[in-house]
Amino acid sequence: MKINIYYGGRGLIGDPTLYVIQKMQEVLQELNITVERFDLYERKNTITTLPNTLKDADGIILASTVEWFGIGGAMQQFLDACWLYGDKDKISQIYMCPIVMSTTYGERDGKLTLATAWEILGGRPCSGICGYIPEISLLECGSEYDRIIEKKAENLYRTVSQKVASFPTSNQVVKQKVSCTQNVDLTPQESEQLSVYAADEEYMQRQKEDIKELTSFFKDMMESRSAESTENFISDFESVYTPRPGLQGIYRLLIKEYKKPLILRVKQRKCECFYGTSEYADVEIQLEEEILKNIVNGKYSFQRAFMGGDMTMKGDFNVMRSLDQLFPFGGEDEKTED
């Protein structure tokens, strides 16, 4: 006889579920039962293949810890894998003992969840253990709890060895009538192979490297485009720059499609135009590349784009208005626009 233990907790020191399954394992081994334990937190990349380990099991223990809400993600993944890839004929012959210990509220709900899930899979749940244990010392110092655990282990042995019959449940009937997995054009062998691929660390590593290579490729393309764009608009601003007495300021243009802002630094008769950073700006403008193209092509002014909602600005509004005088893309009409 063989019994598998599937532990869905996090393996933390002081986890009461670890204490219980260790005691269960000791009692079962004293009864000459082969026991194999699977810690799901150590098998994150191979959970999809674990249903294969059910094939030589006569009974199993599903053990989880409620630390916050529910049975936890690892146990849910294992049950999902049983539904998708497990041998339902084999599962229908396997007895399952649920063990759920809680450090918060919800141990009874967790135990019921495991029993219900196993019934829907077609398996045979049997009596389990659940309890609220906020401190592991309650188990270590309580011999009466050890006797309860020993009795449950012995009952599991009797149930499995005698193949105790049980009444059918509505969960199994519901599964037969309305529950079904999503239809896919794969044979059971192909589905199993797919799960092996998903759990193959070498295969998954190759996939990650391919994704990384593609990411690097597209990143280089974006950087290349960004490098090309660092010359855009600079000559347009420099060619039309018209110094005005008393008008100066620093303008930061955040163009949506560009990584770096376009800085216009106007002081006296000099104008600096470049893509980069500036710790201070009198005016910060946000707009799209297409809007800026329309402005430099003279279709409308900065002020008109702002009033029309095509761009947003922060800072001194009067300094922003001077842009159309310093850079008259639209001719004299735009220079004097109010």
C-alpha atoms as a PDB file:
ATOM      1  CA  MET A   1       0.000   0.000   0.000  1.00  0.00           C
ATOM      2  CA  LYS A   2       1.192   3.491  -0.827  1.00  0.00           C
ATOM      3  CA  ILE A   3      -0.045   6.872   0.386  1.00  0.00           C
ATOM      4  CA  ASN A   4       1.113  10.184  -1.058  1.00  0.00           C
ATOM      5  CA  ILE A   5       1.121  13.417   0.937  1.00  0.00           C
ATOM      6  CA  TYR A   6       0.725  16.679  -0.973  1.00  0.00           C
ATOM      7  CA  TYR A   7       1.605  19.671   1.200  1.00  0.00           C
ATOM      8  CA  GLY A   8       0.361  23.019  -0.102  1.00  0.00           C
ATOM      9  CA  GLY A   9       1.724  25.369   2.566  1.00  0.00           C
ATOM     10  CA  ARG A  10       4.797  27.580   2.399  1.00  0.00           C
ATOM     11  CA  GLY A  11       7.080  25.389   4.479  1.00  0.00           C
ATOM     12  CA  LEU A  12       7.521  27.977   7.234  1.00  0.00           C
ATOM     13  CA  ILE A  13       8.915  27.081  10.628  1.00  0.00           C
ATOM     14  CA  GLY A  14       6.010  26.818  13.027  1.00  0.00           C
ATOM     15  CA  ASP A  15       3.468  25.782  10.409  1.00  0.00           C
ATOM     16  CA  PRO A  16       1.020  23.546  12.341  1.00  0.00           C
ATOM     17  CA  THR A  17       0.165  21.580   9.196  1.00  0.00           C
ATOM     18  CA  LEU A  18       3.781  20.399   8.932  1.00  0.00           C
ATOM     19  CA  TYR A  19       3.573  19.052  12.471  1.00  0.00           C
ATOM     20  CA  VAL A  20       0.378  17.140  11.725  1.00  0.00           C
ATOM     21  CA  ILE A  21       1.528  15.536   8.479  1.00  0.00           C
ATOM     22  CA  GLN A  22       4.861  14.575  10.068  1.00  0.00           C
ATOM     23  CA  LYS A  23       2.988  12.709  12.828  1.00  0.00           C
ATOM     24  CA  MET A  24       0.673  11.127  10.257  1.00  0.00           C
ATOM     25  CA  GLN A  25       3.670   9.982   8.224  1.00  0.00           C
ATOM     26  CA  GLU A  26       5.338   8.410  11.268  1.00  0.00           C
ATOM     27  CA  VAL A  27       2.200   6.439  12.181  1.00  0.00           C
ATOM     28  CA  LEU A  28       1.629   5.237   8.614  1.00  0.00           C
ATOM     29  CA  GLN A  29       5.241   4.116   8.257  1.00  0.00           C
ATOM     30  CA  GLU A  30       4.928   2.154  11.518  1.00  0.00           C
ATOM     31  CA  LEU A  31       2.026   0.352   9.816  1.00  0.00           C
ATOM     32  CA  ASN A  32       4.430  -0.622   6.967  1.00  0.00           C
ATOM     33  CA  ILE A  33       2.815   1.747   4.506  1.00  0.00           C
ATOM     34  CA  THR A  34       4.980   3.388   1.853  1.00  0.00           C
ATOM     35  CA  VAL A  35       4.637   7.147   2.219  1.00  0.00           C
ATOM     36  CA  GLU A  36       5.898   9.708  -0.288  1.00  0.00           C
ATOM     37  CA  ARG A  37       5.627  13.427   0.391  1.00  0.00           C
ATOM     38  CA  PHE A  38       5.451  16.206  -2.180  1.00  0.00           C
ATOM     39  CA  ASP A  39       6.052  19.773  -0.986  1.00  0.00           C
ATOM     40  CA  LEU A  40       4.292  21.855  -3.615  1.00  0.00           C
ATOM     41  CA  TYR A  41       6.174  25.053  -2.772  1.00  0.00           C
ATOM     42  CA  GLU A  42       9.374  23.325  -3.939  1.00  0.00           C
ATOM     43  CA  ARG A  43       7.750  22.095  -7.156  1.00  0.00           C
ATOM     44  CA  LYS A  44       6.300  25.309  -8.572  1.00  0.00           C
ATOM     45  CA  ASN A  45       7.632  24.505 -12.060  1.00  0.00           C
ATOM     46  CA  THR A  46       6.479  20.869 -12.054  1.00  0.00           C
ATOM     47  CA  ILE A  47       3.018  21.044 -10.470  1.00  0.00           C
ATOM     48  CA  THR A  48       1.378  20.334 -13.834  1.00  0.00           C
ATOM     49  CA  THR A  49       3.094  16.932 -13.962  1.00  0.00           C
ATOM     50  CA  LEU A  50       2.302  15.881 -10.370  1.00  0.00           C
ATOM     51  CA  PRO A  51      -1.030  14.204 -11.309  1.00  0.00           C
ATOM     52  CA  ASN A  52       1.165  11.466 -12.804  1.00  0.00           C
ATOM     53  CA  THR A  53       2.295  10.595  -9.251  1.00  0.00           C
ATOM     54  CA  LEU A  54      -1.280   9.541  -8.403  1.00  0.00           C
ATOM     55  CA  LYS A  55      -1.066   6.479 -10.635  1.00  0.00           C
ATOM     56  CA  ASP A  56       0.658   4.272  -8.042  1.00  0.00           C
ATOM     57  CA  ALA A  57      -1.125   5.690  -4.966  1.00  0.00           C
ATOM     58  CA  ASP A  58      -3.870   3.894  -3.036  1.00  0.00           C
ATOM     59  CA  GLY A  59      -4.645   6.925  -0.913  1.00  0.00           C
ATOM     60  CA  ILE A  60      -3.487  10.500  -0.553  1.00  0.00           C
ATOM     61  CA  ILE A  61      -3.390  13.279   2.000  1.00  0.00           C
ATOM     62  CA  LEU A  62      -4.038  16.827   0.833  1.00  0.00           C
ATOM     63  CA  ALA A  63      -2.614  19.171   3.462  1.00  0.00           C
ATOM     64  CA  SER A  64      -2.789  22.953   3.484  1.00  0.00           C
ATOM     65  CA  THR A  65      -2.546  25.879   5.883  1.00  0.00           C
ATOM     66  CA  VAL A  66      -4.989  28.771   6.018  1.00  0.00           C
ATOM     67  CA  GLU A  67      -2.858  31.823   6.751  1.00  0.00           C
ATOM     68  CA  TRP A  68      -5.207  34.409   5.290  1.00  0.00           C
ATOM     69  CA  PHE A  69      -8.011  33.132   3.095  1.00  0.00           C
ATOM     70  CA  GLY A  70      -8.555  29.738   1.532  1.00  0.00           C
ATOM     71  CA  ILE A  71      -6.346  26.753   0.832  1.00  0.00           C
ATOM     72  CA  GLY A  72      -3.593  28.687  -0.912  1.00  0.00           C
ATOM     73  CA  GLY A  73      -2.429  28.994  -4.494  1.00  0.00           C
ATOM     74  CA  ALA A  74      -0.108  25.967  -4.678  1.00  0.00           C
ATOM     75  CA  MET A  75      -2.820  23.522  -3.615  1.00  0.00           C
ATOM     76  CA  GLN A  76      -5.290  25.143  -6.006  1.00  0.00           C
ATOM     77  CA  GLN A  77      -2.760  24.749  -8.840  1.00  0.00           C
ATOM     78  CA  PHE A  78      -2.347  21.078  -8.012  1.00  0.00           C
ATOM     79  CA  LEU A  79      -6.110  20.491  -8.048  1.00  0.00           C
ATOM     80  CA  ASP A  80      -6.373  22.390 -11.335  1.00  0.00           C
ATOM     81  CA  ALA A  81      -3.684  20.131 -12.790  1.00  0.00           C
ATOM     82  CA  CYS A  82      -5.580  17.041 -11.582  1.00  0.00           C
ATOM     83  CA  TRP A  83      -8.696  18.318 -13.367  1.00  0.00           C
ATOM     84  CA  LEU A  84      -6.847  19.096 -16.598  1.00  0.00           C
ATOM     85  CA  TYR A  85      -4.291  16.282 -16.804  1.00  0.00           C
ATOM     86  CA  GLY A  86      -5.179  13.688 -14.172  1.00  0.00           C
ATOM     87  CA  ASP A  87      -6.355  10.155 -14.961  1.00  0.00           C
ATOM     88  CA  LYS A  88      -9.990  10.374 -13.823  1.00  0.00           C
ATOM     89  CA  ASP A  89     -10.399   6.577 -13.774  1.00  0.00           C
ATOM     90  CA  LYS A  90      -7.458   6.258 -11.406  1.00  0.00           C
ATOM     91  CA  ILE A  91      -8.588   9.202  -9.267  1.00  0.00           C
ATOM     92  CA  SER A  92     -12.003   7.557  -8.822  1.00  0.00           C
ATOM     93  CA  GLN A  93     -10.272   4.724  -6.915  1.00  0.00           C
ATOM     94  CA  ILE A  94      -8.176   6.923  -4.611  1.00  0.00           C
ATOM     95  CA  TYR A  95      -9.172   7.827  -1.051  1.00  0.00           C
ATOM     96  CA  MET A  96      -8.259  11.330   0.093  1.00  0.00           C
ATOM     97  CA  CYS A  97      -7.797  12.580   3.646  1.00  0.00           C
ATOM     98  CA  PRO A  98      -7.919  16.402   3.941  1.00  0.00           C
ATOM     99  CA  ILE A  99      -5.801  18.158   6.557  1.00  0.00           C
ATOM    100  CA  VAL A 100      -6.247  21.897   7.025  1.00  0.00           C
ATOM    101  CA  MET A 101      -4.769  23.774   9.960  1.00  0.00           C
ATOM    102  CA  SER A 102      -5.416  27.470  10.367  1.00  0.00           C
ATOM    103  CA  THR A 103      -3.569  30.321  12.018  1.00  0.00           C
ATOM    104  CA  THR A 104      -6.573  32.526  11.309  1.00  0.00           C
ATOM    105  CA  TYR A 105     -10.235  31.913  10.465  1.00  0.00           C
ATOM    106  CA  GLY A 106     -11.314  29.336   7.870  1.00  0.00           C
ATOM    107  CA  GLU A 107     -10.022  25.830   8.642  1.00  0.00           C
ATOM    108  CA  ARG A 108     -13.457  24.210   8.248  1.00  0.00           C
ATOM    109  CA  ASP A 109     -14.064  25.976   4.947  1.00  0.00           C
ATOM    110  CA  GLY A 110     -10.647  24.844   3.738  1.00  0.00           C
ATOM    111  CA  LYS A 111     -11.325  21.225   4.674  1.00  0.00           C
ATOM    112  CA  LEU A 112     -14.707  21.349   2.930  1.00  0.00           C
ATOM    113  CA  THR A 113     -13.074  22.875  -0.167  1.00  0.00           C
ATOM    114  CA  LEU A 114     -10.590  19.993  -0.448  1.00  0.00           C
ATOM    115  CA  ALA A 115     -13.274  17.361   0.084  1.00  0.00           C
ATOM    116  CA  THR A 116     -15.610  18.960  -2.452  1.00  0.00           C
ATOM    117  CA  ALA A 117     -12.846  19.350  -5.034  1.00  0.00           C
ATOM    118  CA  TRP A 118     -11.858  15.696  -4.689  1.00  0.00           C
ATOM    119  CA  GLU A 119     -15.477  14.575  -5.053  1.00  0.00           C
ATOM    120  CA  ILE A 120     -15.885  16.637  -8.224  1.00  0.00           C
ATOM    121  CA  LEU A 121     -12.709  15.037  -9.569  1.00  0.00           C
ATOM    122  CA  GLY A 122     -14.441  11.710  -8.951  1.00  0.00           C
ATOM    123  CA  GLY A 123     -12.315  10.636  -5.980  1.00  0.00           C
ATOM    124  CA  ARG A 124     -13.308   9.309  -2.567  1.00  0.00           C
ATOM    125  CA  PRO A 125     -12.855  11.711   0.362  1.00  0.00           C
ATOM    126  CA  CYS A 126     -12.650  10.338   3.869  1.00  0.00           C
ATOM    127  CA  SER A 127     -12.537  11.777   7.369  1.00  0.00           C
ATOM    128  CA  GLY A 128      -9.841  14.411   7.833  1.00  0.00           C
ATOM    129  CA  ILE A 129      -8.456  16.877  10.350  1.00  0.00           C
ATOM    130  CA  CYS A 130      -8.947  20.608  10.730  1.00  0.00           C
ATOM    131  CA  GLY A 131      -8.145  22.951  13.584  1.00  0.00           C
ATOM    132  CA  TYR A 132      -7.239  26.459  14.653  1.00  0.00           C
ATOM    133  CA  ILE A 133      -3.651  26.528  15.910  1.00  0.00           C
ATOM    134  CA  PRO A 134      -2.311  30.091  16.324  1.00  0.00           C
ATOM    135  CA  GLU A 135       0.896  28.834  17.985  1.00  0.00           C
ATOM    136  CA  ILE A 136       2.741  25.580  17.207  1.00  0.00           C
ATOM    137  CA  SER A 137       3.433  25.142  20.935  1.00  0.00           C
ATOM    138  CA  LEU A 138      -0.222  24.143  21.389  1.00  0.00           C
ATOM    139  CA  LEU A 139       0.488  20.990  19.370  1.00  0.00           C
ATOM    140  CA  GLU A 140       3.955  20.296  20.721  1.00  0.00           C
ATOM    141  CA  CYS A 141       2.766  20.453  24.333  1.00  0.00           C
ATOM    142  CA  GLY A 142      -0.538  18.670  23.886  1.00  0.00           C
ATOM    143  CA  SER A 143      -0.348  14.858  23.958  1.00  0.00           C
ATOM    144  CA  GLU A 144      -4.116  14.640  23.425  1.00  0.00           C
ATOM    145  CA  TYR A 145      -3.664  16.188  19.965  1.00  0.00           C
ATOM    146  CA  ASP A 146      -1.075  13.525  19.094  1.00  0.00           C
ATOM    147  CA  ARG A 147      -3.618  10.813  19.946  1.00  0.00           C
ATOM    148  CA  ILE A 148      -6.189  12.451  17.639  1.00  0.00           C
ATOM    149  CA  ILE A 149      -3.653  12.516  14.819  1.00  0.00           C
ATOM    150  CA  GLU A 150      -2.698   8.871  15.416  1.00  0.00           C
ATOM    151  CA  LYS A 151      -6.364   7.801  15.338  1.00  0.00           C
ATOM    152  CA  LYS A 152      -6.929   9.650  12.058  1.00  0.00           C
ATOM    153  CA  ALA A 153      -3.872   7.979  10.526  1.00  0.00           C
ATOM    154  CA  GLU A 154      -5.109   4.558  11.639  1.00  0.00           C
ATOM    155  CA  ASN A 155      -8.598   5.286  10.279  1.00  0.00           C
ATOM    156  CA  LEU A 156      -7.066   6.268   6.929  1.00  0.00           C
ATOM    157  CA  TYR A 157      -5.161   2.980   6.861  1.00  0.00           C
ATOM    158  CA  ARG A 158      -8.334   0.986   7.582  1.00  0.00           C
ATOM    159  CA  THR A 159     -10.377   2.920   5.016  1.00  0.00           C
ATOM    160  CA  VAL A 160      -7.847   2.389   2.248  1.00  0.00           C
ATOM    161  CA  SER A 161      -6.987  -1.236   3.057  1.00  0.00           C
ATOM    162  CA  GLN A 162     -10.638  -2.294   3.421  1.00  0.00           C
ATOM    163  CA  LYS A 163     -11.793  -0.110   0.496  1.00  0.00           C
ATOM    164  CA  VAL A 164     -14.669   1.186   2.589  1.00  0.00           C
ATOM    165  CA  ALA A 165     -17.728   2.003   0.508  1.00  0.00           C
ATOM    166  CA  SER A 166     -19.497   5.352   0.716  1.00  0.00           C
ATOM    167  CA  PHE A 167     -22.758   6.765  -0.547  1.00  0.00           C
ATOM    168  CA  PRO A 168     -22.619   8.671  -3.842  1.00  0.00           C
ATOM    169  CA  THR A 169     -22.680  12.450  -3.564  1.00  0.00           C
ATOM    170  CA  SER A 170     -24.462  15.110  -5.564  1.00  0.00           C
ATOM    171  CA  ASN A 171     -21.092  16.673  -6.426  1.00  0.00           C
ATOM    172  CA  GLN A 172     -20.231  13.647  -8.554  1.00  0.00           C
ATOM    173  CA  VAL A 173     -23.634  13.708 -10.252  1.00  0.00           C
ATOM    174  CA  VAL A 174     -23.271  17.402 -11.035  1.00  0.00           C
ATOM    175  CA  LYS A 175     -19.841  16.742 -12.528  1.00  0.00           C
ATOM    176  CA  GLN A 176     -21.215  14.005 -14.779  1.00  0.00           C
ATOM    177  CA  LYS A 177     -24.115  16.139 -16.004  1.00  0.00           C
ATOM    178  CA  VAL A 178     -22.876  19.709 -16.337  1.00  0.00           C
ATOM    179  CA  SER A 179     -19.189  20.049 -15.480  1.00  0.00           C
ATOM    180  CA  CYS A 180     -16.681  19.740 -18.270  1.00  0.00           C
ATOM    181  CA  THR A 181     -13.264  21.010 -19.162  1.00  0.00           C
ATOM    182  CA  GLN A 182     -12.807  23.338 -22.115  1.00  0.00           C
ATOM    183  CA  ASN A 183     -12.754  21.486 -25.406  1.00  0.00           C
ATOM    184  CA  VAL A 184      -9.321  21.496 -27.025  1.00  0.00           C
ATOM    185  CA  ASP A 185      -8.188  19.652 -30.108  1.00  0.00           C
ATOM    186  CA  LEU A 186      -5.573  17.649 -28.210  1.00  0.00           C
ATOM    187  CA  THR A 187      -5.344  13.980 -27.390  1.00  0.00           C
ATOM    188  CA  PRO A 188      -4.707  12.986 -23.751  1.00  0.00           C
ATOM    189  CA  GLN A 189      -1.124  12.177 -24.751  1.00  0.00           C
ATOM    190  CA  GLU A 190      -0.671  15.627 -26.286  1.00  0.00           C
ATOM    191  CA  SER A 191      -2.186  17.285 -23.226  1.00  0.00           C
ATOM    192  CA  GLU A 192       0.209  15.391 -20.984  1.00  0.00           C
ATOM    193  CA  GLN A 193       3.118  16.313 -23.234  1.00  0.00           C
ATOM    194  CA  LEU A 194       2.038  19.952 -23.058  1.00  0.00           C
ATOM    195  CA  SER A 195       2.101  19.806 -19.273  1.00  0.00           C
ATOM    196  CA  VAL A 196       5.597  18.285 -19.433  1.00  0.00           C
ATOM    197  CA  TYR A 197       6.763  21.189 -21.576  1.00  0.00           C
ATOM    198  CA  ALA A 198       5.267  23.645 -19.115  1.00  0.00           C
ATOM    199  CA  ALA A 199       7.203  21.987 -16.303  1.00  0.00           C
ATOM    200  CA  ASP A 200      10.469  21.532 -18.228  1.00  0.00           C
ATOM    201  CA  GLU A 201      12.798  24.113 -16.717  1.00  0.00           C
ATOM    202  CA  GLU A 202      15.264  23.863 -19.615  1.00  0.00           C
ATOM    203  CA  TYR A 203      12.491  24.393 -22.172  1.00  0.00           C
ATOM    204  CA  MET A 204      11.026  27.293 -20.208  1.00  0.00           C
ATOM    205  CA  GLN A 205      14.487  28.830 -19.863  1.00  0.00           C
ATOM    206  CA  ARG A 206      14.916  28.701 -23.642  1.00  0.00           C
ATOM    207  CA  GLN A 207      11.542  30.382 -24.041  1.00  0.00           C
ATOM    208  CA  LYS A 208      12.565  33.121 -21.601  1.00  0.00           C
ATOM    209  CA  GLU A 209      15.823  33.654 -23.497  1.00  0.00           C
ATOM    210  CA  ASP A 210      13.907  33.940 -26.779  1.00  0.00           C
ATOM    211  CA  ILE A 211      11.544  36.484 -25.231  1.00  0.00           C
ATOM    212  CA  LYS A 212      14.517  38.373 -23.816  1.00  0.00           C
ATOM    213  CA  GLU A 213      16.175  38.412 -27.238  1.00  0.00           C
ATOM    214  CA  LEU A 214      13.010  39.724 -28.901  1.00  0.00           C
ATOM    215  CA  THR A 215      12.626  42.338 -26.173  1.00  0.00           C
ATOM    216  CA  SER A 216      16.211  43.444 -26.732  1.00  0.00           C
ATOM    217  CA  PHE A 217      15.613  43.601 -30.489  1.00  0.00           C
ATOM    218  CA  PHE A 218      12.554  45.826 -30.172  1.00  0.00           C
ATOM    219  CA  LYS A 219      14.284  47.905 -27.516  1.00  0.00           C
ATOM    220  CA  ASP A 220      17.149  48.551 -29.932  1.00  0.00           C
ATOM    221  CA  MET A 221      14.612  49.548 -32.581  1.00  0.00           C
ATOM    222  CA  MET A 222      12.961  51.983 -30.176  1.00  0.00           C
ATOM    223  CA  GLU A 223      16.309  53.395 -29.098  1.00  0.00           C
ATOM    224  CA  SER A 224      17.310  53.778 -32.750  1.00  0.00           C
ATOM    225  CA  ARG A 225      14.085  55.646 -33.435  1.00  0.00           C
ATOM    226  CA  SER A 226      14.648  57.724 -30.319  1.00  0.00           C
ATOM    227  CA  ALA A 227      18.173  58.586 -31.466  1.00  0.00           C
ATOM    228  CA  GLU A 228      16.852  59.659 -34.854  1.00  0.00           C
ATOM    229  CA  SER A 229      14.161  61.765 -33.207  1.00  0.00           C
ATOM    230  CA  THR A 230      16.707  63.775 -31.193  1.00  0.00           C
ATOM    231  CA  GLU A 231      17.238  66.001 -34.243  1.00  0.00           C
ATOM    232  CA  ASN A 232      13.540  66.522 -34.964  1.00  0.00           C
ATOM    233  CA  PHE A 233      12.170  70.056 -34.617  1.00  0.00           C
ATOM    234  CA  ILE A 234      15.513  71.568 -33.498  1.00  0.00           C
ATOM    235  CA  SER A 235      16.259  73.114 -36.886  1.00  0.00           C
ATOM    236  CA  ASP A 236      12.630  74.283 -37.141  1.00  0.00           C
ATOM    237  CA  PHE A 237      12.893  76.275 -33.919  1.00  0.00           C
ATOM    238  CA  GLU A 238      16.387  77.578 -34.655  1.00  0.00           C
ATOM    239  CA  SER A 239      15.449  78.775 -38.142  1.00  0.00           C
ATOM    240  CA  VAL A 240      12.476  80.894 -37.057  1.00  0.00           C
ATOM    241  CA  TYR A 241      13.827  82.152 -33.740  1.00  0.00           C
ATOM    242  CA  THR A 242      13.193  85.891 -33.495  1.00  0.00           C
ATOM    243  CA  PRO A 243      14.727  87.654 -30.453  1.00  0.00           C
ATOM    244  CA  ARG A 244      12.369  90.028 -28.659  1.00  0.00           C
ATOM    245  CA  PRO A 245      13.509  92.633 -26.133  1.00  0.00           C
ATOM    246  CA  GLY A 246      12.698  91.556 -22.594  1.00  0.00           C
ATOM    247  CA  LEU A 247      11.444  88.087 -23.605  1.00  0.00           C
ATOM    248  CA  GLN A 248      13.341  85.143 -22.175  1.00  0.00           C
ATOM    249  CA  GLY A 249      12.614  81.867 -20.465  1.00  0.00           C
ATOM    250  CA  ILE A 250      13.162  78.137 -20.339  1.00  0.00           C
ATOM    251  CA  TYR A 251      10.562  75.919 -22.011  1.00  0.00           C
ATOM    252  CA  ARG A 252      10.318  72.167 -21.505  1.00  0.00           C
ATOM    253  CA  LEU A 253       8.287  70.401 -24.242  1.00  0.00           C
ATOM    254  CA  LEU A 254       7.228  66.875 -23.265  1.00  0.00           C
ATOM    255  CA  ILE A 255       6.449  65.188 -26.573  1.00  0.00           C
ATOM    256  CA  LYS A 256       4.397  62.061 -25.933  1.00  0.00           C
ATOM    257  CA  GLU A 257       6.224  59.839 -28.433  1.00  0.00           C
ATOM    258  CA  TYR A 258       9.751  60.875 -27.330  1.00  0.00           C
ATOM    259  CA  LYS A 259      11.728  59.676 -24.334  1.00  0.00           C
ATOM    260  CA  LYS A 260      13.522  62.966 -23.684  1.00  0.00           C
ATOM    261  CA  PRO A 261      11.903  66.409 -23.556  1.00  0.00           C
ATOM    262  CA  LEU A 262      12.776  69.176 -25.985  1.00  0.00           C
ATOM    263  CA  ILE A 263      14.356  72.087 -24.113  1.00  0.00           C
ATOM    264  CA  LEU A 264      14.153  75.637 -25.445  1.00  0.00           C
ATOM    265  CA  ARG A 265      16.390  77.991 -23.486  1.00  0.00           C
ATOM    266  CA  VAL A 266      15.981  81.606 -24.542  1.00  0.00           C
ATOM    267  CA  LYS A 267      18.189  84.318 -23.001  1.00  0.00           C
ATOM    268  CA  GLN A 268      18.858  87.720 -24.500  1.00  0.00           C
ATOM    269  CA  ARG A 269      19.629  87.100 -28.184  1.00  0.00           C
ATOM    270  CA  LYS A 270      20.651  83.465 -27.765  1.00  0.00           C
ATOM    271  CA  CYS A 271      18.467  80.383 -28.143  1.00  0.00           C
ATOM    272  CA  GLU A 272      19.513  76.869 -27.211  1.00  0.00           C
ATOM    273  CA  CYS A 273      17.436  73.954 -28.548  1.00  0.00           C
ATOM    274  CA  PHE A 274      18.253  70.402 -27.486  1.00  0.00           C
ATOM    275  CA  TYR A 275      16.778  67.122 -26.233  1.00  0.00           C
ATOM    276  CA  GLY A 276      17.736  66.449 -22.643  1.00  0.00           C
ATOM    277  CA  THR A 277      16.926  67.510 -19.109  1.00  0.00           C
ATOM    278  CA  SER A 278      16.573  70.794 -17.360  1.00  0.00           C
ATOM    279  CA  GLU A 279      16.234  71.087 -13.603  1.00  0.00           C
ATOM    280  CA  TYR A 280      14.176  74.239 -13.952  1.00  0.00           C
ATOM    281  CA  ALA A 281      11.653  75.392 -16.531  1.00  0.00           C
ATOM    282  CA  ASP A 282       9.442  78.458 -16.580  1.00  0.00           C
ATOM    283  CA  VAL A 283       6.896  76.543 -18.639  1.00  0.00           C
ATOM    284  CA  GLU A 284       6.309  72.816 -19.118  1.00  0.00           C
ATOM    285  CA  ILE A 285       4.192  71.819 -22.106  1.00  0.00           C
ATOM    286  CA  GLN A 286       2.765  68.374 -22.876  1.00  0.00           C
ATOM    287  CA  LEU A 287       1.635  67.556 -26.397  1.00  0.00           C
ATOM    288  CA  GLU A 288       1.763  64.906 -29.113  1.00  0.00           C
ATOM    289  CA  GLU A 289       4.238  64.858 -31.983  1.00  0.00           C
ATOM    290  CA  GLU A 290       1.485  65.459 -34.547  1.00  0.00           C
ATOM    291  CA  ILE A 291       0.345  68.634 -32.742  1.00  0.00           C
ATOM    292  CA  LEU A 292       3.888  70.007 -32.680  1.00  0.00           C
ATOM    293  CA  LYS A 293       4.232  69.242 -36.393  1.00  0.00           C
ATOM    294  CA  ASN A 294       1.101  71.269 -37.092  1.00  0.00           C
ATOM    295  CA  ILE A 295       2.514  74.170 -35.073  1.00  0.00           C
ATOM    296  CA  VAL A 296       5.910  74.257 -36.822  1.00  0.00           C
ATOM    297  CA  ASN A 297       4.100  73.931 -40.162  1.00  0.00           C
ATOM    298  CA  GLY A 298       2.190  77.100 -39.338  1.00  0.00           C
ATOM    299  CA  LYS A 299      -1.295  75.560 -39.140  1.00  0.00           C
ATOM    300  CA  TYR A 300      -1.881  77.141 -35.747  1.00  0.00           C
ATOM    301  CA  SER A 301      -0.002  78.680 -32.827  1.00  0.00           C
ATOM    302  CA  PHE A 302       0.953  77.406 -29.394  1.00  0.00           C
ATOM    303  CA  GLN A 303      -1.724  79.580 -27.834  1.00  0.00           C
ATOM    304  CA  ARG A 304      -4.404  78.275 -30.171  1.00  0.00           C
ATOM    305  CA  ALA A 305      -3.339  74.653 -29.476  1.00  0.00           C
ATOM    306  CA  PHE A 306      -3.589  75.347 -25.756  1.00  0.00           C
ATOM    307  CA  MET A 307      -6.991  77.006 -26.016  1.00  0.00           C
ATOM    308  CA  GLY A 308      -8.249  74.144 -28.179  1.00  0.00           C
ATOM    309  CA  GLY A 309      -7.173  71.529 -25.625  1.00  0.00           C
ATOM    310  CA  ASP A 310      -4.527  69.965 -27.906  1.00  0.00           C
ATOM    311  CA  MET A 311      -1.800  70.562 -25.347  1.00  0.00           C
ATOM    312  CA  THR A 312      -1.480  71.194 -21.625  1.00  0.00           C
ATOM    313  CA  MET A 313       0.910  73.448 -19.776  1.00  0.00           C
ATOM    314  CA  LYS A 314       2.238  74.206 -16.301  1.00  0.00           C
ATOM    315  CA  GLY A 315       3.984  77.372 -15.264  1.00  0.00           C
ATOM    316  CA  ASP A 316       3.802  81.063 -16.149  1.00  0.00           C
ATOM    317  CA  PHE A 317       1.077  81.589 -18.730  1.00  0.00           C
ATOM    318  CA  ASN A 318       2.558  84.916 -19.903  1.00  0.00           C
ATOM    319  CA  VAL A 319       5.899  83.216 -20.585  1.00  0.00           C
ATOM    320  CA  MET A 320       4.049  80.515 -22.529  1.00  0.00           C
ATOM    321  CA  ARG A 321       2.338  83.187 -24.698  1.00  0.00           C
ATOM    322  CA  SER A 322       5.728  84.594 -25.641  1.00  0.00           C
ATOM    323  CA  LEU A 323       6.525  81.351 -27.506  1.00  0.00           C
ATOM    324  CA  ASP A 324       4.496  82.522 -30.498  1.00  0.00           C
ATOM    325  CA  GLN A 325       6.466  85.780 -30.583  1.00  0.00           C
ATOM    326  CA  LEU A 326       9.861  84.142 -30.185  1.00  0.00           C
ATOM    327  CA  PHE A 327       9.074  81.350 -32.682  1.00  0.00           C
ATOM    328  CA  PRO A 328       6.614  82.816 -35.244  1.00  0.00           C
ATOM    329  CA  PHE A 329       5.930  79.670 -37.300  1.00  0.00           C
ATOM    330  CA  GLY A 330       2.647  81.067 -38.602  1.00  0.00           C
ATOM    331  CA  GLY A 331       3.885  84.453 -39.804  1.00  0.00           C
ATOM    332  CA  GLU A 332       2.948  87.890 -38.521  1.00  0.00           C
ATOM    333  CA  ASP A 333      -0.680  86.934 -37.758  1.00  0.00           C
ATOM    334  CA  GLU A 334       0.443  84.351 -35.258  1.00  0.00           C
ATOM    335  CA  LYS A 335       3.058  86.631 -33.768  1.00  0.00           C
ATOM    336  CA  THR A 336       0.473  89.130 -32.695  1.00  0.00           C
ATOM    337  CA  GLU A 337      -2.282  86.688 -31.727  1.00  0.00           C
ATOM    338  CA  ASP A 338      -3.881  87.319 -28.349  1.00  0.00           C
END
